[in-house]
Amino acid sequence: MLVHTAIEQKLLSAFDPVFLDVVNESHMHSVAPGSQSHFKVVIVTNAFDGMRLLNRHRAVNAILAEELAEKIHALALHTYTPGEWYEYYAEKPPASPKCFGGSKREKTALPES
């Protein structure tokens, strides 16, 4: 099974989200073509009502523990209640940060002391 599919199925089953977007962002990083190692998840669910951000992330990480241990190198999580989502991001989800690892790291000289 594809990592993307496993993430999607597990989160759909565990959280019954009103919105879920799982994006493979591996192509934006220094990995082999076709890799499935870097993902962004935007999940909107009533299950997050009353939960702090850290607890939301812990809940998602617990569901994806096997994938995180064996297959996923990086997971960008954007976790919202329906109220937060519709107020702030419904028309334009947040972007993931740029990767500066591996060969994509900007080459800059260190200042002389």
PDB file of N, CA and C in Angstrom:
ATOM      1  N   MET A   1       0.838  -1.180   0.000  1.00  0.00           N
ATOM      2  CA  MET A   1       0.000   0.000   0.000  1.00  0.00           C
ATOM      3  C   MET A   1       0.887   1.249   0.000  1.00  0.00           C
ATOM      4  N   LEU A   2       0.467   2.251  -0.748  1.00  0.00           N
ATOM      5  CA  LEU A   2       1.199   3.508  -0.776  1.00  0.00           C
ATOM      6  C   LEU A   2       1.123   4.190   0.588  1.00  0.00           C
ATOM      7  N   VAL A   3       2.191   4.876   0.961  1.00  0.00           N
ATOM      8  CA  VAL A   3       2.220   5.588   2.244  1.00  0.00           C
ATOM      9  C   VAL A   3       1.100   6.628   2.274  1.00  0.00           C
ATOM     10  N   HIS A   4       0.943   7.358   1.186  1.00  0.00           N
ATOM     11  CA  HIS A   4      -0.106   8.374   1.073  1.00  0.00           C
ATOM     12  C   HIS A   4      -1.478   7.768   1.384  1.00  0.00           C
ATOM     13  N   THR A   5      -1.761   6.622   0.803  1.00  0.00           N
ATOM     14  CA  THR A   5      -3.047   5.949   0.995  1.00  0.00           C
ATOM     15  C   THR A   5      -3.222   5.496   2.440  1.00  0.00           C
ATOM     16  N   ALA A   6      -2.176   4.966   3.027  1.00  0.00           N
ATOM     17  CA  ALA A   6      -2.248   4.524   4.426  1.00  0.00           C
ATOM     18  C   ALA A   6      -2.543   5.695   5.352  1.00  0.00           C
ATOM     19  N   ILE A   7      -1.871   6.813   5.140  1.00  0.00           N
ATOM     20  CA  ILE A   7      -2.101   8.009   5.955  1.00  0.00           C
ATOM     21  C   ILE A   7      -3.566   8.434   5.836  1.00  0.00           C
ATOM     22  N   GLU A   8      -4.018   8.538   4.613  1.00  0.00           N
ATOM     23  CA  GLU A   8      -5.382   8.988   4.364  1.00  0.00           C
ATOM     24  C   GLU A   8      -6.420   8.062   5.011  1.00  0.00           C
ATOM     25  N   GLN A   9      -6.280   6.770   4.812  1.00  0.00           N
ATOM     26  CA  GLN A   9      -7.244   5.811   5.361  1.00  0.00           C
ATOM     27  C   GLN A   9      -7.267   5.826   6.885  1.00  0.00           C
ATOM     28  N   LYS A  10      -6.091   5.871   7.491  1.00  0.00           N
ATOM     29  CA  LYS A  10      -6.032   5.870   8.955  1.00  0.00           C
ATOM     30  C   LYS A  10      -6.644   7.131   9.553  1.00  0.00           C
ATOM     31  N   LEU A  11      -6.361   8.292   8.959  1.00  0.00           N
ATOM     32  CA  LEU A  11      -6.893   9.546   9.490  1.00  0.00           C
ATOM     33  C   LEU A  11      -8.402   9.653   9.256  1.00  0.00           C
ATOM     34  N   LEU A  12      -8.877   9.186   8.108  1.00  0.00           N
ATOM     35  CA  LEU A  12     -10.321   9.180   7.855  1.00  0.00           C
ATOM     36  C   LEU A  12     -11.047   8.320   8.878  1.00  0.00           C
ATOM     37  N   SER A  13     -10.493   7.167   9.165  1.00  0.00           N
ATOM     38  CA  SER A  13     -11.106   6.237  10.105  1.00  0.00           C
ATOM     39  C   SER A  13     -11.064   6.756  11.544  1.00  0.00           C
ATOM     40  N   ALA A  14      -9.946   7.332  11.939  1.00  0.00           N
ATOM     41  CA  ALA A  14      -9.756   7.744  13.329  1.00  0.00           C
ATOM     42  C   ALA A  14     -10.464   9.050  13.686  1.00  0.00           C
ATOM     43  N   PHE A  15     -10.540   9.991  12.732  1.00  0.00           N
ATOM     44  CA  PHE A  15     -11.009  11.335  13.075  1.00  0.00           C
ATOM     45  C   PHE A  15     -12.293  11.777  12.376  1.00  0.00           C
ATOM     46  N   ASP A  16     -12.778  11.039  11.398  1.00  0.00           N
ATOM     47  CA  ASP A  16     -13.977  11.425  10.655  1.00  0.00           C
ATOM     48  C   ASP A  16     -13.937  12.913  10.297  1.00  0.00           C
ATOM     49  N   PRO A  17     -12.883  13.344   9.573  1.00  0.00           N
ATOM     50  CA  PRO A  17     -12.711  14.772   9.303  1.00  0.00           C
ATOM     51  C   PRO A  17     -13.744  15.336   8.329  1.00  0.00           C
ATOM     52  N   VAL A  18     -14.008  16.638   8.478  1.00  0.00           N
ATOM     53  CA  VAL A  18     -14.850  17.328   7.506  1.00  0.00           C
ATOM     54  C   VAL A  18     -14.017  17.752   6.305  1.00  0.00           C
ATOM     55  N   PHE A  19     -12.698  17.807   6.477  1.00  0.00           N
ATOM     56  CA  PHE A  19     -11.768  18.092   5.393  1.00  0.00           C
ATOM     57  C   PHE A  19     -10.455  17.380   5.702  1.00  0.00           C
ATOM     58  N   LEU A  20      -9.891  16.730   4.689  1.00  0.00           N
ATOM     59  CA  LEU A  20      -8.594  16.075   4.837  1.00  0.00           C
ATOM     60  C   LEU A  20      -7.839  16.207   3.528  1.00  0.00           C
ATOM     61  N   ASP A  21      -6.618  16.688   3.610  1.00  0.00           N
ATOM     62  CA  ASP A  21      -5.759  16.789   2.440  1.00  0.00           C
ATOM     63  C   ASP A  21      -4.394  16.231   2.825  1.00  0.00           C
ATOM     64  N   VAL A  22      -3.985  15.163   2.155  1.00  0.00           N
ATOM     65  CA  VAL A  22      -2.686  14.546   2.376  1.00  0.00           C
ATOM     66  C   VAL A  22      -1.863  14.783   1.114  1.00  0.00           C
ATOM     67  N   VAL A  23      -0.751  15.503   1.261  1.00  0.00           N
ATOM     68  CA  VAL A  23       0.061  15.879   0.110  1.00  0.00           C
ATOM     69  C   VAL A  23       1.458  15.291   0.251  1.00  0.00           C
ATOM     70  N   ASN A  24       1.885  14.558  -0.755  1.00  0.00           N
ATOM     71  CA  ASN A  24       3.251  14.045  -0.794  1.00  0.00           C
ATOM     72  C   ASN A  24       4.147  15.178  -1.281  1.00  0.00           C
ATOM     73  N   GLU A  25       4.977  15.706  -0.393  1.00  0.00           N
ATOM     74  CA  GLU A  25       5.877  16.805  -0.731  1.00  0.00           C
ATOM     75  C   GLU A  25       7.320  16.339  -0.919  1.00  0.00           C
ATOM     76  N   SER A  26       7.505  15.059  -1.093  1.00  0.00           N
ATOM     77  CA  SER A  26       8.855  14.503  -1.218  1.00  0.00           C
ATOM     78  C   SER A  26       9.625  15.119  -2.375  1.00  0.00           C
ATOM     79  N   HIS A  27       8.929  15.422  -3.458  1.00  0.00           N
ATOM     80  CA  HIS A  27       9.597  16.001  -4.633  1.00  0.00           C
ATOM     81  C   HIS A  27      10.254  17.350  -4.339  1.00  0.00           C
ATOM     82  N   MET A  28       9.872  17.992  -3.249  1.00  0.00           N
ATOM     83  CA  MET A  28      10.432  19.285  -2.867  1.00  0.00           C
ATOM     84  C   MET A  28      11.708  19.138  -2.032  1.00  0.00           C
ATOM     85  N   HIS A  29      12.137  17.914  -1.830  1.00  0.00           N
ATOM     86  CA  HIS A  29      13.272  17.635  -0.956  1.00  0.00           C
ATOM     87  C   HIS A  29      14.324  16.824  -1.690  1.00  0.00           C
ATOM     88  N   SER A  30      15.441  16.634  -1.067  1.00  0.00           N
ATOM     89  CA  SER A  30      16.579  15.920  -1.673  1.00  0.00           C
ATOM     90  C   SER A  30      16.417  14.421  -1.489  1.00  0.00           C
ATOM     91  N   VAL A  31      15.464  13.853  -2.227  1.00  0.00           N
ATOM     92  CA  VAL A  31      15.197  12.419  -2.170  1.00  0.00           C
ATOM     93  C   VAL A  31      15.052  11.895  -3.595  1.00  0.00           C
ATOM     94  N   ALA A  32      15.091  10.589  -3.726  1.00  0.00           N
ATOM     95  CA  ALA A  32      14.965   9.968  -5.047  1.00  0.00           C
ATOM     96  C   ALA A  32      13.582  10.238  -5.638  1.00  0.00           C
ATOM     97  N   PRO A  33      13.495  10.358  -6.958  1.00  0.00           N
ATOM     98  CA  PRO A  33      12.193  10.530  -7.599  1.00  0.00           C
ATOM     99  C   PRO A  33      11.244   9.398  -7.209  1.00  0.00           C
ATOM    100  N   GLY A  34       9.986   9.749  -6.985  1.00  0.00           N
ATOM    101  CA  GLY A  34       8.987   8.763  -6.604  1.00  0.00           C
ATOM    102  C   GLY A  34       8.956   8.434  -5.116  1.00  0.00           C
ATOM    103  N   SER A  35       9.778   9.105  -4.322  1.00  0.00           N
ATOM    104  CA  SER A  35       9.826   8.841  -2.875  1.00  0.00           C
ATOM    105  C   SER A  35       8.524   9.232  -2.199  1.00  0.00           C
ATOM    106  N   GLN A  36       8.263   8.599  -1.093  1.00  0.00           N
ATOM    107  CA  GLN A  36       7.105   8.922  -0.251  1.00  0.00           C
ATOM    108  C   GLN A  36       7.592   9.077   1.187  1.00  0.00           C
ATOM    109  N   SER A  37       8.323  10.141   1.433  1.00  0.00           N
ATOM    110  CA  SER A  37       8.954  10.321   2.735  1.00  0.00           C
ATOM    111  C   SER A  37       8.592  11.631   3.423  1.00  0.00           C
ATOM    112  N   HIS A  38       8.090  12.602   2.677  1.00  0.00           N
ATOM    113  CA  HIS A  38       7.767  13.917   3.220  1.00  0.00           C
ATOM    114  C   HIS A  38       6.309  14.232   2.890  1.00  0.00           C
ATOM    115  N   PHE A  39       5.503  14.487   3.929  1.00  0.00           N
ATOM    116  CA  PHE A  39       4.076  14.720   3.714  1.00  0.00           C
ATOM    117  C   PHE A  39       3.590  15.945   4.467  1.00  0.00           C
ATOM    118  N   LYS A  40       2.554  16.557   3.899  1.00  0.00           N
ATOM    119  CA  LYS A  40       1.810  17.613   4.586  1.00  0.00           C
ATOM    120  C   LYS A  40       0.392  17.091   4.756  1.00  0.00           C
ATOM    121  N   VAL A  41      -0.145  17.229   5.965  1.00  0.00           N
ATOM    122  CA  VAL A  41      -1.518  16.829   6.252  1.00  0.00           C
ATOM    123  C   VAL A  41      -2.266  18.050   6.773  1.00  0.00           C
ATOM    124  N   VAL A  42      -3.373  18.361   6.117  1.00  0.00           N
ATOM    125  CA  VAL A  42      -4.306  19.361   6.615  1.00  0.00           C
ATOM    126  C   VAL A  42      -5.551  18.586   7.006  1.00  0.00           C
ATOM    127  N   ILE A  43      -5.899  18.632   8.277  1.00  0.00           N
ATOM    128  CA  ILE A  43      -7.051  17.881   8.772  1.00  0.00           C
ATOM    129  C   ILE A  43      -7.933  18.793   9.612  1.00  0.00           C
ATOM    130  N   VAL A  44      -9.230  18.751   9.306  1.00  0.00           N
ATOM    131  CA  VAL A  44     -10.229  19.561  10.002  1.00  0.00           C
ATOM    132  C   VAL A  44     -11.261  18.601  10.568  1.00  0.00           C
ATOM    133  N   THR A  45     -11.397  18.601  11.891  1.00  0.00           N
ATOM    134  CA  THR A  45     -12.309  17.651  12.524  1.00  0.00           C
ATOM    135  C   THR A  45     -12.848  18.185  13.844  1.00  0.00           C
ATOM    136  N   ASN A  46     -14.067  17.791  14.150  1.00  0.00           N
ATOM    137  CA  ASN A  46     -14.654  18.136  15.444  1.00  0.00           C
ATOM    138  C   ASN A  46     -13.924  17.448  16.587  1.00  0.00           C
ATOM    139  N   ALA A  47     -13.188  16.399  16.293  1.00  0.00           N
ATOM    140  CA  ALA A  47     -12.445  15.676  17.331  1.00  0.00           C
ATOM    141  C   ALA A  47     -11.404  16.565  18.008  1.00  0.00           C
ATOM    142  N   PHE A  48     -11.009  17.658  17.351  1.00  0.00           N
ATOM    143  CA  PHE A  48     -10.007  18.556  17.920  1.00  0.00           C
ATOM    144  C   PHE A  48     -10.610  19.643  18.807  1.00  0.00           C
ATOM    145  N   ASP A  49     -11.933  19.703  18.906  1.00  0.00           N
ATOM    146  CA  ASP A  49     -12.565  20.704  19.777  1.00  0.00           C
ATOM    147  C   ASP A  49     -12.035  20.565  21.198  1.00  0.00           C
ATOM    148  N   GLY A  50     -11.579  21.670  21.767  1.00  0.00           N
ATOM    149  CA  GLY A  50     -11.090  21.681  23.133  1.00  0.00           C
ATOM    150  C   GLY A  50      -9.674  21.161  23.311  1.00  0.00           C
ATOM    151  N   MET A  51      -9.022  20.738  22.226  1.00  0.00           N
ATOM    152  CA  MET A  51      -7.649  20.215  22.319  1.00  0.00           C
ATOM    153  C   MET A  51      -6.642  21.307  21.965  1.00  0.00           C
ATOM    154  N   ARG A  52      -5.564  21.349  22.715  1.00  0.00           N
ATOM    155  CA  ARG A  52      -4.461  22.251  22.382  1.00  0.00           C
ATOM    156  C   ARG A  52      -3.730  21.708  21.152  1.00  0.00           C
ATOM    157  N   LEU A  53      -2.988  22.554  20.484  1.00  0.00           N
ATOM    158  CA  LEU A  53      -2.274  22.170  19.265  1.00  0.00           C
ATOM    159  C   LEU A  53      -1.367  20.965  19.492  1.00  0.00           C
ATOM    160  N   LEU A  54      -0.614  20.972  20.565  1.00  0.00           N
ATOM    161  CA  LEU A  54       0.303  19.867  20.853  1.00  0.00           C
ATOM    162  C   LEU A  54      -0.458  18.546  20.985  1.00  0.00           C
ATOM    163  N   ASN A  55      -1.592  18.565  21.646  1.00  0.00           N
ATOM    164  CA  ASN A  55      -2.384  17.345  21.805  1.00  0.00           C
ATOM    165  C   ASN A  55      -2.990  16.875  20.493  1.00  0.00           C
ATOM    166  N   ARG A  56      -3.323  17.797  19.615  1.00  0.00           N
ATOM    167  CA  ARG A  56      -3.816  17.429  18.286  1.00  0.00           C
ATOM    168  C   ARG A  56      -2.720  16.692  17.516  1.00  0.00           C
ATOM    169  N   HIS A  57      -1.526  17.254  17.546  1.00  0.00           N
ATOM    170  CA  HIS A  57      -0.393  16.636  16.845  1.00  0.00           C
ATOM    171  C   HIS A  57      -0.064  15.270  17.443  1.00  0.00           C
ATOM    172  N   ARG A  58      -0.115  15.176  18.754  1.00  0.00           N
ATOM    173  CA  ARG A  58       0.130  13.883  19.404  1.00  0.00           C
ATOM    174  C   ARG A  58      -0.906  12.852  18.976  1.00  0.00           C
ATOM    175  N   ALA A  59      -2.148  13.275  18.854  1.00  0.00           N
ATOM    176  CA  ALA A  59      -3.212  12.355  18.450  1.00  0.00           C
ATOM    177  C   ALA A  59      -2.979  11.842  17.024  1.00  0.00           C
ATOM    178  N   VAL A  60      -2.616  12.728  16.128  1.00  0.00           N
ATOM    179  CA  VAL A  60      -2.330  12.318  14.745  1.00  0.00           C
ATOM    180  C   VAL A  60      -1.097  11.423  14.706  1.00  0.00           C
ATOM    181  N   ASN A  61      -0.057  11.803  15.424  1.00  0.00           N
ATOM    182  CA  ASN A  61       1.172  10.998  15.452  1.00  0.00           C
ATOM    183  C   ASN A  61       0.917   9.605  16.007  1.00  0.00           C
ATOM    184  N   ALA A  62       0.027   9.491  16.980  1.00  0.00           N
ATOM    185  CA  ALA A  62      -0.290   8.175  17.548  1.00  0.00           C
ATOM    186  C   ALA A  62      -0.951   7.285  16.502  1.00  0.00           C
ATOM    187  N   ILE A  63      -1.837   7.849  15.714  1.00  0.00           N
ATOM    188  CA  ILE A  63      -2.517   7.077  14.664  1.00  0.00           C
ATOM    189  C   ILE A  63      -1.530   6.656  13.579  1.00  0.00           C
ATOM    190  N   LEU A  64      -0.541   7.501  13.300  1.00  0.00           N
ATOM    191  CA  LEU A  64       0.426   7.226  12.233  1.00  0.00           C
ATOM    192  C   LEU A  64       1.755   6.709  12.766  1.00  0.00           C
ATOM    193  N   ALA A  65       1.754   6.132  13.960  1.00  0.00           N
ATOM    194  CA  ALA A  65       2.998   5.702  14.614  1.00  0.00           C
ATOM    195  C   ALA A  65       3.811   4.741  13.747  1.00  0.00           C
ATOM    196  N   GLU A  66       3.169   3.780  13.127  1.00  0.00           N
ATOM    197  CA  GLU A  66       3.889   2.809  12.296  1.00  0.00           C
ATOM    198  C   GLU A  66       4.545   3.481  11.096  1.00  0.00           C
ATOM    199  N   GLU A  67       3.818   4.356  10.426  1.00  0.00           N
ATOM    200  CA  GLU A  67       4.380   5.056   9.263  1.00  0.00           C
ATOM    201  C   GLU A  67       5.516   5.990   9.679  1.00  0.00           C
ATOM    202  N   LEU A  68       5.353   6.671  10.810  1.00  0.00           N
ATOM    203  CA  LEU A  68       6.404   7.566  11.289  1.00  0.00           C
ATOM    204  C   LEU A  68       7.671   6.799  11.670  1.00  0.00           C
ATOM    205  N   ALA A  69       7.510   5.616  12.202  1.00  0.00           N
ATOM    206  CA  ALA A  69       8.666   4.823  12.628  1.00  0.00           C
ATOM    207  C   ALA A  69       9.397   4.196  11.450  1.00  0.00           C
ATOM    208  N   GLU A  70       8.677   3.885  10.390  1.00  0.00           N
ATOM    209  CA  GLU A  70       9.276   3.100   9.316  1.00  0.00           C
ATOM    210  C   GLU A  70       9.388   3.797   7.967  1.00  0.00           C
ATOM    211  N   LYS A  71       8.506   4.751   7.673  1.00  0.00           N
ATOM    212  CA  LYS A  71       8.443   5.247   6.296  1.00  0.00           C
ATOM    213  C   LYS A  71       8.507   6.748   6.126  1.00  0.00           C
ATOM    214  N   ILE A  72       8.003   7.492   7.091  1.00  0.00           N
ATOM    215  CA  ILE A  72       7.906   8.948   6.944  1.00  0.00           C
ATOM    216  C   ILE A  72       9.114   9.620   7.596  1.00  0.00           C
ATOM    217  N   HIS A  73       9.765  10.485   6.828  1.00  0.00           N
ATOM    218  CA  HIS A  73      10.895  11.258   7.354  1.00  0.00           C
ATOM    219  C   HIS A  73      10.409  12.582   7.948  1.00  0.00           C
ATOM    220  N   ALA A  74       9.422  13.198   7.284  1.00  0.00           N
ATOM    221  CA  ALA A  74       8.924  14.493   7.748  1.00  0.00           C
ATOM    222  C   ALA A  74       7.421  14.562   7.544  1.00  0.00           C
ATOM    223  N   LEU A  75       6.734  15.115   8.547  1.00  0.00           N
ATOM    224  CA  LEU A  75       5.288  15.238   8.491  1.00  0.00           C
ATOM    225  C   LEU A  75       4.905  16.628   8.992  1.00  0.00           C
ATOM    226  N   ALA A  76       4.409  17.461   8.080  1.00  0.00           N
ATOM    227  CA  ALA A  76       3.929  18.797   8.436  1.00  0.00           C
ATOM    228  C   ALA A  76       2.446  18.680   8.746  1.00  0.00           C
ATOM    229  N   LEU A  77       2.054  19.023   9.955  1.00  0.00           N
ATOM    230  CA  LEU A  77       0.667  18.889  10.375  1.00  0.00           C
ATOM    231  C   LEU A  77       0.008  20.253  10.517  1.00  0.00           C
ATOM    232  N   HIS A  78      -1.177  20.355   9.933  1.00  0.00           N
ATOM    233  CA  HIS A  78      -2.022  21.543  10.061  1.00  0.00           C
ATOM    234  C   HIS A  78      -3.360  21.018  10.559  1.00  0.00           C
ATOM    235  N   THR A  79      -3.631  21.215  11.844  1.00  0.00           N
ATOM    236  CA  THR A  79      -4.777  20.599  12.506  1.00  0.00           C
ATOM    237  C   THR A  79      -5.751  21.674  12.983  1.00  0.00           C
ATOM    238  N   TYR A  80      -7.014  21.538  12.584  1.00  0.00           N
ATOM    239  CA  TYR A  80      -8.001  22.574  12.876  1.00  0.00           C
ATOM    240  C   TYR A  80      -9.339  21.987  13.290  1.00  0.00           C
ATOM    241  N   THR A  81     -10.082  22.773  14.055  1.00  0.00           N
ATOM    242  CA  THR A  81     -11.498  22.495  14.261  1.00  0.00           C
ATOM    243  C   THR A  81     -12.220  23.118  13.066  1.00  0.00           C
ATOM    244  N   PRO A  82     -13.451  22.716  12.795  1.00  0.00           N
ATOM    245  CA  PRO A  82     -14.174  23.333  11.687  1.00  0.00           C
ATOM    246  C   PRO A  82     -14.289  24.857  11.817  1.00  0.00           C
ATOM    247  N   GLY A  83     -14.512  25.344  13.029  1.00  0.00           N
ATOM    248  CA  GLY A  83     -14.607  26.792  13.235  1.00  0.00           C
ATOM    249  C   GLY A  83     -13.325  27.517  12.873  1.00  0.00           C
ATOM    250  N   GLU A  84     -12.192  26.982  13.304  1.00  0.00           N
ATOM    251  CA  GLU A  84     -10.885  27.594  12.973  1.00  0.00           C
ATOM    252  C   GLU A  84     -10.651  27.573  11.470  1.00  0.00           C
ATOM    253  N   TRP A  85     -10.940  26.443  10.866  1.00  0.00           N
ATOM    254  CA  TRP A  85     -10.701  26.272   9.434  1.00  0.00           C
ATOM    255  C   TRP A  85     -11.502  27.280   8.610  1.00  0.00           C
ATOM    256  N   TYR A  86     -12.777  27.369   8.872  1.00  0.00           N
ATOM    257  CA  TYR A  86     -13.618  28.256   8.077  1.00  0.00           C
ATOM    258  C   TYR A  86     -13.308  29.722   8.336  1.00  0.00           C
ATOM    259  N   GLU A  87     -12.849  30.034   9.525  1.00  0.00           N
ATOM    260  CA  GLU A  87     -12.504  31.424   9.840  1.00  0.00           C
ATOM    261  C   GLU A  87     -11.196  31.865   9.192  1.00  0.00           C
ATOM    262  N   TYR A  88     -10.194  30.973   9.153  1.00  0.00           N
ATOM    263  CA  TYR A  88      -8.859  31.391   8.733  1.00  0.00           C
ATOM    264  C   TYR A  88      -8.370  30.851   7.390  1.00  0.00           C
ATOM    265  N   TYR A  89      -8.667  29.595   7.072  1.00  0.00           N
ATOM    266  CA  TYR A  89      -7.949  28.965   5.976  1.00  0.00           C
ATOM    267  C   TYR A  89      -8.791  28.301   4.893  1.00  0.00           C
ATOM    268  N   ALA A  90     -10.072  28.337   4.944  1.00  0.00           N
ATOM    269  CA  ALA A  90     -10.894  27.566   4.014  1.00  0.00           C
ATOM    270  C   ALA A  90     -10.574  27.863   2.552  1.00  0.00           C
ATOM    271  N   GLU A  91     -10.227  29.104   2.246  1.00  0.00           N
ATOM    272  CA  GLU A  91      -9.965  29.444   0.854  1.00  0.00           C
ATOM    273  C   GLU A  91      -8.517  29.246   0.436  1.00  0.00           C
ATOM    274  N   LYS A  92      -7.594  29.237   1.382  1.00  0.00           N
ATOM    275  CA  LYS A  92      -6.184  29.065   1.032  1.00  0.00           C
ATOM    276  C   LYS A  92      -5.459  28.387   2.189  1.00  0.00           C
ATOM    277  N   PRO A  93      -5.283  27.053   2.109  1.00  0.00           N
ATOM    278  CA  PRO A  93      -4.580  26.336   3.181  1.00  0.00           C
ATOM    279  C   PRO A  93      -3.152  26.847   3.356  1.00  0.00           C
ATOM    280  N   PRO A  94      -2.604  26.708   4.554  1.00  0.00           N
ATOM    281  CA  PRO A  94      -1.235  27.172   4.810  1.00  0.00           C
ATOM    282  C   PRO A  94      -0.217  26.365   4.020  1.00  0.00           C
ATOM    283  N   ALA A  95       0.853  27.016   3.623  1.00  0.00           N
ATOM    284  CA  ALA A  95       1.938  26.367   2.874  1.00  0.00           C
ATOM    285  C   ALA A  95       2.925  25.729   3.846  1.00  0.00           C
ATOM    286  N   SER A  96       3.611  24.714   3.373  1.00  0.00           N
ATOM    287  CA  SER A  96       4.661  24.083   4.175  1.00  0.00           C
ATOM    288  C   SER A  96       5.935  24.902   4.067  1.00  0.00           C
ATOM    289  N   PRO A  97       6.810  24.825   5.068  1.00  0.00           N
ATOM    290  CA  PRO A  97       8.070  25.559   4.998  1.00  0.00           C
ATOM    291  C   PRO A  97       8.970  24.983   3.918  1.00  0.00           C
ATOM    292  N   LYS A  98       9.856  25.821   3.378  1.00  0.00           N
ATOM    293  CA  LYS A  98      10.802  25.366   2.362  1.00  0.00           C
ATOM    294  C   LYS A  98      11.857  24.470   2.986  1.00  0.00           C
ATOM    295  N   CYS A  99      12.327  23.518   2.208  1.00  0.00           N
ATOM    296  CA  CYS A  99      13.367  22.594   2.669  1.00  0.00           C
ATOM    297  C   CYS A  99      14.736  23.208   2.392  1.00  0.00           C
ATOM    298  N   PHE A 100      15.613  23.183   3.381  1.00  0.00           N
ATOM    299  CA  PHE A 100      16.980  23.636   3.199  1.00  0.00           C
ATOM    300  C   PHE A 100      17.969  22.525   3.483  1.00  0.00           C
ATOM    301  N   GLY A 101      17.497  21.298   3.468  1.00  0.00           N
ATOM    302  CA  GLY A 101      18.362  20.159   3.751  1.00  0.00           C
ATOM    303  C   GLY A 101      19.029  19.633   2.507  1.00  0.00           C
ATOM    304  N   GLY A 102      20.000  18.787   2.694  1.00  0.00           N
ATOM    305  CA  GLY A 102      20.670  18.096   1.586  1.00  0.00           C
ATOM    306  C   GLY A 102      21.232  19.043   0.557  1.00  0.00           C
ATOM    307  N   SER A 103      21.064  18.696  -0.712  1.00  0.00           N
ATOM    308  CA  SER A 103      21.650  19.479  -1.793  1.00  0.00           C
ATOM    309  C   SER A 103      20.892  20.768  -2.069  1.00  0.00           C
ATOM    310  N   LYS A 104      19.731  20.956  -1.459  1.00  0.00           N
ATOM    311  CA  LYS A 104      18.954  22.166  -1.695  1.00  0.00           C
ATOM    312  C   LYS A 104      19.318  23.283  -0.714  1.00  0.00           C
ATOM    313  N   ARG A 105      20.219  22.995   0.198  1.00  0.00           N
ATOM    314  CA  ARG A 105      20.630  24.008   1.169  1.00  0.00           C
ATOM    315  C   ARG A 105      21.327  25.146   0.428  1.00  0.00           C
ATOM    316  N   GLU A 106      20.959  26.347   0.778  1.00  0.00           N
ATOM    317  CA  GLU A 106      21.607  27.501   0.174  1.00  0.00           C
ATOM    318  C   GLU A 106      23.050  27.565   0.639  1.00  0.00           C
ATOM    319  N   LYS A 107      23.925  27.813  -0.302  1.00  0.00           N
ATOM    320  CA  LYS A 107      25.348  27.909   0.015  1.00  0.00           C
ATOM    321  C   LYS A 107      25.648  29.372   0.358  1.00  0.00           C
ATOM    322  N   THR A 108      25.943  29.617   1.612  1.00  0.00           N
ATOM    323  CA  THR A 108      26.267  30.977   2.038  1.00  0.00           C
ATOM    324  C   THR A 108      27.555  30.936   2.832  1.00  0.00           C
ATOM    325  N   ALA A 109      28.334  31.941   2.647  1.00  0.00           N
ATOM    326  CA  ALA A 109      29.604  32.033   3.373  1.00  0.00           C
ATOM    327  C   ALA A 109      29.318  32.529   4.783  1.00  0.00           C
ATOM    328  N   LEU A 110      30.032  31.981   5.732  1.00  0.00           N
ATOM    329  CA  LEU A 110      29.921  32.439   7.099  1.00  0.00           C
ATOM    330  C   LEU A 110      30.669  33.748   7.244  1.00  0.00           C
ATOM    331  N   PRO A 111      30.138  34.673   8.029  1.00  0.00           N
ATOM    332  CA  PRO A 111      30.840  35.939   8.224  1.00  0.00           C
ATOM    333  C   PRO A 111      32.162  35.706   8.964  1.00  0.00           C
ATOM    334  N   GLU A 112      33.147  36.484   8.576  1.00  0.00           N
ATOM    335  CA  GLU A 112      34.440  36.380   9.243  1.00  0.00           C
ATOM    336  C   GLU A 112      34.376  37.070  10.595  1.00  0.00           C
ATOM    337  N   SER A 113      35.064  36.486  11.584  1.00  0.00           N
ATOM    338  CA  SER A 113      35.040  37.111  12.898  1.00  0.00           C
ATOM    339  C   SER A 113      36.248  37.956  13.127  1.00  0.00           C
TER     340      SER A 113
END
